[in-house]
Amino acid sequence: MARPEYDPWVRSILRCPVGRHELLDRTDEHGAPVLECAEDCDGPGRRRRYPWRDGIPVLLVDDAHVVTVTD
């Protein structure tokens, strides 16, 4: 699945609605593009991932998945 295209200024203003920090471009376990919190957001080592649907980032807390990260 291809990563959605967007203007750089749009990407620069996207933030996590919970922690208000930067979101990183990542892919999920199925290879679909997601936006992932750049910092821990649901406890140590846990971050929210927000999906893209029809080329639009869905920054709704209820649609996010919390994942464990090991940096």
PDB file of N, CA and C in Angstrom:
ATOM      1  N   MET A   1       0.853  -1.180   0.000  1.00  0.00           N
ATOM      2  CA  MET A   1       0.000   0.000   0.000  1.00  0.00           C
ATOM      3  C   MET A   1       0.893   1.235   0.000  1.00  0.00           C
ATOM      4  N   ALA A   2       0.625   2.171  -0.870  1.00  0.00           N
ATOM      5  CA  ALA A   2       1.443   3.374  -0.999  1.00  0.00           C
ATOM      6  C   ALA A   2       1.113   4.385   0.092  1.00  0.00           C
ATOM      7  N   ARG A   3       2.134   5.076   0.533  1.00  0.00           N
ATOM      8  CA  ARG A   3       1.944   6.139   1.517  1.00  0.00           C
ATOM      9  C   ARG A   3       1.222   7.302   0.865  1.00  0.00           C
ATOM     10  N   PRO A   4       0.221   7.851   1.527  1.00  0.00           N
ATOM     11  CA  PRO A   4      -0.515   8.985   0.974  1.00  0.00           C
ATOM     12  C   PRO A   4       0.392  10.188   0.742  1.00  0.00           C
ATOM     13  N   GLU A   5       0.104  10.940  -0.282  1.00  0.00           N
ATOM     14  CA  GLU A   5       0.847  12.155  -0.582  1.00  0.00           C
ATOM     15  C   GLU A   5       0.141  13.346   0.048  1.00  0.00           C
ATOM     16  N   TYR A   6       0.902  14.294   0.540  1.00  0.00           N
ATOM     17  CA  TYR A   6       0.338  15.493   1.132  1.00  0.00           C
ATOM     18  C   TYR A   6       1.392  16.587   1.075  1.00  0.00           C
ATOM     19  N   ASP A   7       0.948  17.835   1.134  1.00  0.00           N
ATOM     20  CA  ASP A   7       1.874  18.958   1.127  1.00  0.00           C
ATOM     21  C   ASP A   7       2.704  18.958   2.407  1.00  0.00           C
ATOM     22  N   PRO A   8       3.968  19.341   2.314  1.00  0.00           N
ATOM     23  CA  PRO A   8       4.829  19.352   3.505  1.00  0.00           C
ATOM     24  C   PRO A   8       4.277  20.204   4.650  1.00  0.00           C
ATOM     25  N   TRP A   9       3.621  21.297   4.341  1.00  0.00           N
ATOM     26  CA  TRP A   9       3.087  22.146   5.414  1.00  0.00           C
ATOM     27  C   TRP A   9       1.982  21.427   6.181  1.00  0.00           C
ATOM     28  N   VAL A  10       1.211  20.584   5.485  1.00  0.00           N
ATOM     29  CA  VAL A  10       0.159  19.821   6.162  1.00  0.00           C
ATOM     30  C   VAL A  10       0.802  18.825   7.126  1.00  0.00           C
ATOM     31  N   ARG A  11       1.801  18.131   6.654  1.00  0.00           N
ATOM     32  CA  ARG A  11       2.487  17.134   7.483  1.00  0.00           C
ATOM     33  C   ARG A  11       3.110  17.779   8.713  1.00  0.00           C
ATOM     34  N   SER A  12       3.633  18.991   8.562  1.00  0.00           N
ATOM     35  CA  SER A  12       4.318  19.655   9.672  1.00  0.00           C
ATOM     36  C   SER A  12       3.387  20.049  10.813  1.00  0.00           C
ATOM     37  N   ILE A  13       2.090  20.154  10.563  1.00  0.00           N
ATOM     38  CA  ILE A  13       1.165  20.564  11.626  1.00  0.00           C
ATOM     39  C   ILE A  13       0.437  19.397  12.283  1.00  0.00           C
ATOM     40  N   LEU A  14       0.581  18.191  11.747  1.00  0.00           N
ATOM     41  CA  LEU A  14      -0.090  17.038  12.344  1.00  0.00           C
ATOM     42  C   LEU A  14       0.558  16.692  13.682  1.00  0.00           C
ATOM     43  N   ARG A  15      -0.252  16.564  14.717  1.00  0.00           N
ATOM     44  CA  ARG A  15       0.219  16.233  16.062  1.00  0.00           C
ATOM     45  C   ARG A  15      -0.723  15.219  16.706  1.00  0.00           C
ATOM     46  N   CYS A  16      -0.205  14.478  17.658  1.00  0.00           N
ATOM     47  CA  CYS A  16      -1.019  13.540  18.411  1.00  0.00           C
ATOM     48  C   CYS A  16      -2.068  14.328  19.198  1.00  0.00           C
ATOM     49  N   PRO A  17      -3.328  13.960  19.099  1.00  0.00           N
ATOM     50  CA  PRO A  17      -4.356  14.692  19.838  1.00  0.00           C
ATOM     51  C   PRO A  17      -4.286  14.470  21.347  1.00  0.00           C
ATOM     52  N   VAL A  18      -3.551  13.466  21.805  1.00  0.00           N
ATOM     53  CA  VAL A  18      -3.434  13.188  23.233  1.00  0.00           C
ATOM     54  C   VAL A  18      -2.208  13.889  23.820  1.00  0.00           C
ATOM     55  N   GLY A  19      -1.029  13.562  23.304  1.00  0.00           N
ATOM     56  CA  GLY A  19       0.217  14.102  23.848  1.00  0.00           C
ATOM     57  C   GLY A  19       0.690  15.376  23.188  1.00  0.00           C
ATOM     58  N   ARG A  20       0.077  15.744  22.080  1.00  0.00           N
ATOM     59  CA  ARG A  20       0.420  16.958  21.324  1.00  0.00           C
ATOM     60  C   ARG A  20       1.860  16.954  20.790  1.00  0.00           C
ATOM     61  N   HIS A  21       2.431  15.761  20.628  1.00  0.00           N
ATOM     62  CA  HIS A  21       3.782  15.696  20.098  1.00  0.00           C
ATOM     63  C   HIS A  21       3.777  15.259  18.633  1.00  0.00           C
ATOM     64  N   GLU A  22       4.938  15.273  18.043  1.00  0.00           N
ATOM     65  CA  GLU A  22       5.112  14.954  16.628  1.00  0.00           C
ATOM     66  C   GLU A  22       4.672  13.523  16.318  1.00  0.00           C
ATOM     67  N   LEU A  23       4.215  13.325  15.081  1.00  0.00           N
ATOM     68  CA  LEU A  23       3.853  11.997  14.593  1.00  0.00           C
ATOM     69  C   LEU A  23       4.834  11.589  13.498  1.00  0.00           C
ATOM     70  N   LEU A  24       5.242  10.337  13.527  1.00  0.00           N
ATOM     71  CA  LEU A  24       6.203   9.809  12.557  1.00  0.00           C
ATOM     72  C   LEU A  24       5.496   8.924  11.540  1.00  0.00           C
ATOM     73  N   ASP A  25       5.979   8.937  10.320  1.00  0.00           N
ATOM     74  CA  ASP A  25       5.464   8.045   9.277  1.00  0.00           C
ATOM     75  C   ASP A  25       6.002   6.644   9.528  1.00  0.00           C
ATOM     76  N   ARG A  26       5.112   5.695   9.672  1.00  0.00           N
ATOM     77  CA  ARG A  26       5.470   4.295   9.901  1.00  0.00           C
ATOM     78  C   ARG A  26       4.535   3.413   9.072  1.00  0.00           C
ATOM     79  N   THR A  27       4.760   2.109   9.152  1.00  0.00           N
ATOM     80  CA  THR A  27       3.835   1.143   8.561  1.00  0.00           C
ATOM     81  C   THR A  27       3.446   0.154   9.647  1.00  0.00           C
ATOM     82  N   ASP A  28       2.226  -0.361   9.550  1.00  0.00           N
ATOM     83  CA  ASP A  28       1.773  -1.331  10.542  1.00  0.00           C
ATOM     84  C   ASP A  28       2.210  -2.729  10.141  1.00  0.00           C
ATOM     85  N   GLU A  29       1.775  -3.722  10.899  1.00  0.00           N
ATOM     86  CA  GLU A  29       2.186  -5.111  10.646  1.00  0.00           C
ATOM     87  C   GLU A  29       1.676  -5.663   9.323  1.00  0.00           C
ATOM     88  N   HIS A  30       0.719  -4.960   8.692  1.00  0.00           N
ATOM     89  CA  HIS A  30       0.187  -5.367   7.393  1.00  0.00           C
ATOM     90  C   HIS A  30       0.790  -4.563   6.245  1.00  0.00           C
ATOM     91  N   GLY A  31       1.701  -3.644   6.572  1.00  0.00           N
ATOM     92  CA  GLY A  31       2.335  -2.810   5.564  1.00  0.00           C
ATOM     93  C   GLY A  31       1.549  -1.557   5.215  1.00  0.00           C
ATOM     94  N   ALA A  32       0.474  -1.301   5.938  1.00  0.00           N
ATOM     95  CA  ALA A  32      -0.334  -0.101   5.691  1.00  0.00           C
ATOM     96  C   ALA A  32       0.304   1.099   6.383  1.00  0.00           C
ATOM     97  N   PRO A  33       0.243   2.278   5.753  1.00  0.00           N
ATOM     98  CA  PRO A  33       0.828   3.468   6.379  1.00  0.00           C
ATOM     99  C   PRO A  33       0.047   3.889   7.629  1.00  0.00           C
ATOM    100  N   VAL A  34       0.787   4.314   8.647  1.00  0.00           N
ATOM    101  CA  VAL A  34       0.205   4.830   9.885  1.00  0.00           C
ATOM    102  C   VAL A  34       1.059   6.007  10.350  1.00  0.00           C
ATOM    103  N   LEU A  35       0.503   6.796  11.244  1.00  0.00           N
ATOM    104  CA  LEU A  35       1.257   7.837  11.920  1.00  0.00           C
ATOM    105  C   LEU A  35       1.433   7.382  13.361  1.00  0.00           C
ATOM    106  N   GLU A  36       2.675   7.374  13.834  1.00  0.00           N
ATOM    107  CA  GLU A  36       2.968   6.886  15.180  1.00  0.00           C
ATOM    108  C   GLU A  36       3.540   8.007  16.031  1.00  0.00           C
ATOM    109  N   CYS A  37       3.136   8.053  17.288  1.00  0.00           N
ATOM    110  CA  CYS A  37       3.653   9.048  18.222  1.00  0.00           C
ATOM    111  C   CYS A  37       5.177   8.954  18.277  1.00  0.00           C
ATOM    112  N   ALA A  38       5.838  10.104  18.278  1.00  0.00           N
ATOM    113  CA  ALA A  38       7.294  10.149  18.348  1.00  0.00           C
ATOM    114  C   ALA A  38       7.787   9.936  19.774  1.00  0.00           C
ATOM    115  N   GLU A  39       6.886  10.092  20.748  1.00  0.00           N
ATOM    116  CA  GLU A  39       7.233   9.931  22.153  1.00  0.00           C
ATOM    117  C   GLU A  39       6.231   8.985  22.808  1.00  0.00           C
ATOM    118  N   ASP A  40       6.614   8.432  23.935  1.00  0.00           N
ATOM    119  CA  ASP A  40       5.688   7.574  24.671  1.00  0.00           C
ATOM    120  C   ASP A  40       4.417   8.343  24.975  1.00  0.00           C
ATOM    121  N   CYS A  41       3.289   7.663  24.807  1.00  0.00           N
ATOM    122  CA  CYS A  41       2.019   8.375  24.887  1.00  0.00           C
ATOM    123  C   CYS A  41       0.979   7.642  25.733  1.00  0.00           C
ATOM    124  N   ASP A  42       1.239   6.412  26.090  1.00  0.00           N
ATOM    125  CA  ASP A  42       0.275   5.652  26.890  1.00  0.00           C
ATOM    126  C   ASP A  42       1.030   4.837  27.932  1.00  0.00           C
ATOM    127  N   GLY A  43       2.064   5.445  28.469  1.00  0.00           N
ATOM    128  CA  GLY A  43       2.919   4.774  29.429  1.00  0.00           C
ATOM    129  C   GLY A  43       4.284   4.502  28.815  1.00  0.00           C
ATOM    130  N   PRO A  44       5.263   4.145  29.629  1.00  0.00           N
ATOM    131  CA  PRO A  44       6.615   3.897  29.137  1.00  0.00           C
ATOM    132  C   PRO A  44       6.655   2.812  28.059  1.00  0.00           C
ATOM    133  N   GLY A  45       7.275   3.142  26.920  1.00  0.00           N
ATOM    134  CA  GLY A  45       7.417   2.182  25.831  1.00  0.00           C
ATOM    135  C   GLY A  45       6.159   1.936  25.028  1.00  0.00           C
ATOM    136  N   ARG A  46       5.126   2.739  25.237  1.00  0.00           N
ATOM    137  CA  ARG A  46       3.865   2.543  24.515  1.00  0.00           C
ATOM    138  C   ARG A  46       3.534   3.816  23.731  1.00  0.00           C
ATOM    139  N   ARG A  47       3.131   3.632  22.498  1.00  0.00           N
ATOM    140  CA  ARG A  47       2.813   4.762  21.617  1.00  0.00           C
ATOM    141  C   ARG A  47       1.538   4.484  20.836  1.00  0.00           C
ATOM    142  N   ARG A  48       0.873   5.542  20.485  1.00  0.00           N
ATOM    143  CA  ARG A  48      -0.349   5.414  19.687  1.00  0.00           C
ATOM    144  C   ARG A  48      -0.002   5.437  18.204  1.00  0.00           C
ATOM    145  N   ARG A  49      -0.750   4.641  17.439  1.00  0.00           N
ATOM    146  CA  ARG A  49      -0.652   4.639  15.972  1.00  0.00           C
ATOM    147  C   ARG A  49      -2.012   5.022  15.413  1.00  0.00           C
ATOM    148  N   TYR A  50      -1.979   5.971  14.505  1.00  0.00           N
ATOM    149  CA  TYR A  50      -3.204   6.456  13.875  1.00  0.00           C
ATOM    150  C   TYR A  50      -3.234   6.001  12.418  1.00  0.00           C
ATOM    151  N   PRO A  51      -4.363   5.471  11.960  1.00  0.00           N
ATOM    152  CA  PRO A  51      -4.446   4.942  10.589  1.00  0.00           C
ATOM    153  C   PRO A  51      -4.678   6.034   9.549  1.00  0.00           C
ATOM    154  N   TRP A  52      -4.416   5.677   8.313  1.00  0.00           N
ATOM    155  CA  TRP A  52      -4.809   6.487   7.153  1.00  0.00           C
ATOM    156  C   TRP A  52      -6.006   5.781   6.540  1.00  0.00           C
ATOM    157  N   ARG A  53      -7.025   6.518   6.175  1.00  0.00           N
ATOM    158  CA  ARG A  53      -8.174   5.939   5.467  1.00  0.00           C
ATOM    159  C   ARG A  53      -8.480   6.806   4.259  1.00  0.00           C
ATOM    160  N   ASP A  54      -8.461   6.186   3.101  1.00  0.00           N
ATOM    161  CA  ASP A  54      -8.718   6.893   1.844  1.00  0.00           C
ATOM    162  C   ASP A  54      -7.823   8.110   1.692  1.00  0.00           C
ATOM    163  N   GLY A  55      -6.548   7.972   2.097  1.00  0.00           N
ATOM    164  CA  GLY A  55      -5.580   9.049   1.948  1.00  0.00           C
ATOM    165  C   GLY A  55      -5.683  10.149   2.992  1.00  0.00           C
ATOM    166  N   ILE A  56      -6.466   9.928   4.041  1.00  0.00           N
ATOM    167  CA  ILE A  56      -6.668  10.944   5.079  1.00  0.00           C
ATOM    168  C   ILE A  56      -6.237  10.364   6.428  1.00  0.00           C
ATOM    169  N   PRO A  57      -5.388  11.092   7.185  1.00  0.00           N
ATOM    170  CA  PRO A  57      -5.014  10.592   8.504  1.00  0.00           C
ATOM    171  C   PRO A  57      -6.191  10.706   9.468  1.00  0.00           C
ATOM    172  N   VAL A  58      -6.454   9.628  10.189  1.00  0.00           N
ATOM    173  CA  VAL A  58      -7.571   9.601  11.141  1.00  0.00           C
ATOM    174  C   VAL A  58      -6.973   9.782  12.538  1.00  0.00           C
ATOM    175  N   LEU A  59      -7.005  11.012  13.035  1.00  0.00           N
ATOM    176  CA  LEU A  59      -6.396  11.333  14.319  1.00  0.00           C
ATOM    177  C   LEU A  59      -7.437  11.343  15.432  1.00  0.00           C
ATOM    178  N   LEU A  60      -8.191  10.273  15.498  1.00  0.00           N
ATOM    179  CA  LEU A  60      -9.188  10.097  16.548  1.00  0.00           C
ATOM    180  C   LEU A  60      -8.664   9.073  17.549  1.00  0.00           C
ATOM    181  N   VAL A  61      -8.700   9.428  18.824  1.00  0.00           N
ATOM    182  CA  VAL A  61      -8.167   8.551  19.863  1.00  0.00           C
ATOM    183  C   VAL A  61      -8.835   7.179  19.826  1.00  0.00           C
ATOM    184  N   ASP A  62     -10.128   7.138  19.571  1.00  0.00           N
ATOM    185  CA  ASP A  62     -10.844   5.860  19.536  1.00  0.00           C
ATOM    186  C   ASP A  62     -10.410   4.955  18.384  1.00  0.00           C
ATOM    187  N   ASP A  63      -9.824   5.520  17.332  1.00  0.00           N
ATOM    188  CA  ASP A  63      -9.362   4.734  16.187  1.00  0.00           C
ATOM    189  C   ASP A  63      -7.879   4.390  16.268  1.00  0.00           C
ATOM    190  N   ALA A  64      -7.173   4.913  17.265  1.00  0.00           N
ATOM    191  CA  ALA A  64      -5.747   4.654  17.416  1.00  0.00           C
ATOM    192  C   ALA A  64      -5.528   3.280  18.034  1.00  0.00           C
ATOM    193  N   HIS A  65      -4.367   2.705  17.747  1.00  0.00           N
ATOM    194  CA  HIS A  65      -3.924   1.460  18.360  1.00  0.00           C
ATOM    195  C   HIS A  65      -2.698   1.780  19.187  1.00  0.00           C
ATOM    196  N   VAL A  66      -2.648   1.273  20.399  1.00  0.00           N
ATOM    197  CA  VAL A  66      -1.478   1.462  21.242  1.00  0.00           C
ATOM    198  C   VAL A  66      -0.544   0.288  21.003  1.00  0.00           C
ATOM    199  N   VAL A  67       0.724   0.601  20.717  1.00  0.00           N
ATOM    200  CA  VAL A  67       1.715  -0.430  20.448  1.00  0.00           C
ATOM    201  C   VAL A  67       2.880  -0.267  21.409  1.00  0.00           C
ATOM    202  N   THR A  68       3.573  -1.365  21.658  1.00  0.00           N
ATOM    203  CA  THR A  68       4.770  -1.342  22.478  1.00  0.00           C
ATOM    204  C   THR A  68       5.960  -1.180  21.555  1.00  0.00           C
ATOM    205  N   VAL A  69       6.849  -0.242  21.895  1.00  0.00           N
ATOM    206  CA  VAL A  69       8.018  -0.001  21.069  1.00  0.00           C
ATOM    207  C   VAL A  69       9.281  -0.270  21.887  1.00  0.00           C
ATOM    208  N   THR A  70      10.304  -0.694  21.175  1.00  0.00           N
ATOM    209  CA  THR A  70      11.613  -0.904  21.781  1.00  0.00           C
ATOM    210  C   THR A  70      12.619  -0.191  20.910  1.00  0.00           C
ATOM    211  N   ASP A  71      12.940   1.039  21.275  1.00  0.00           N
ATOM    212  CA  ASP A  71      13.899   1.837  20.499  1.00  0.00           C
ATOM    213  C   ASP A  71      15.308   1.516  20.866  1.00  0.00           C
TER     214      ASP A  71
END
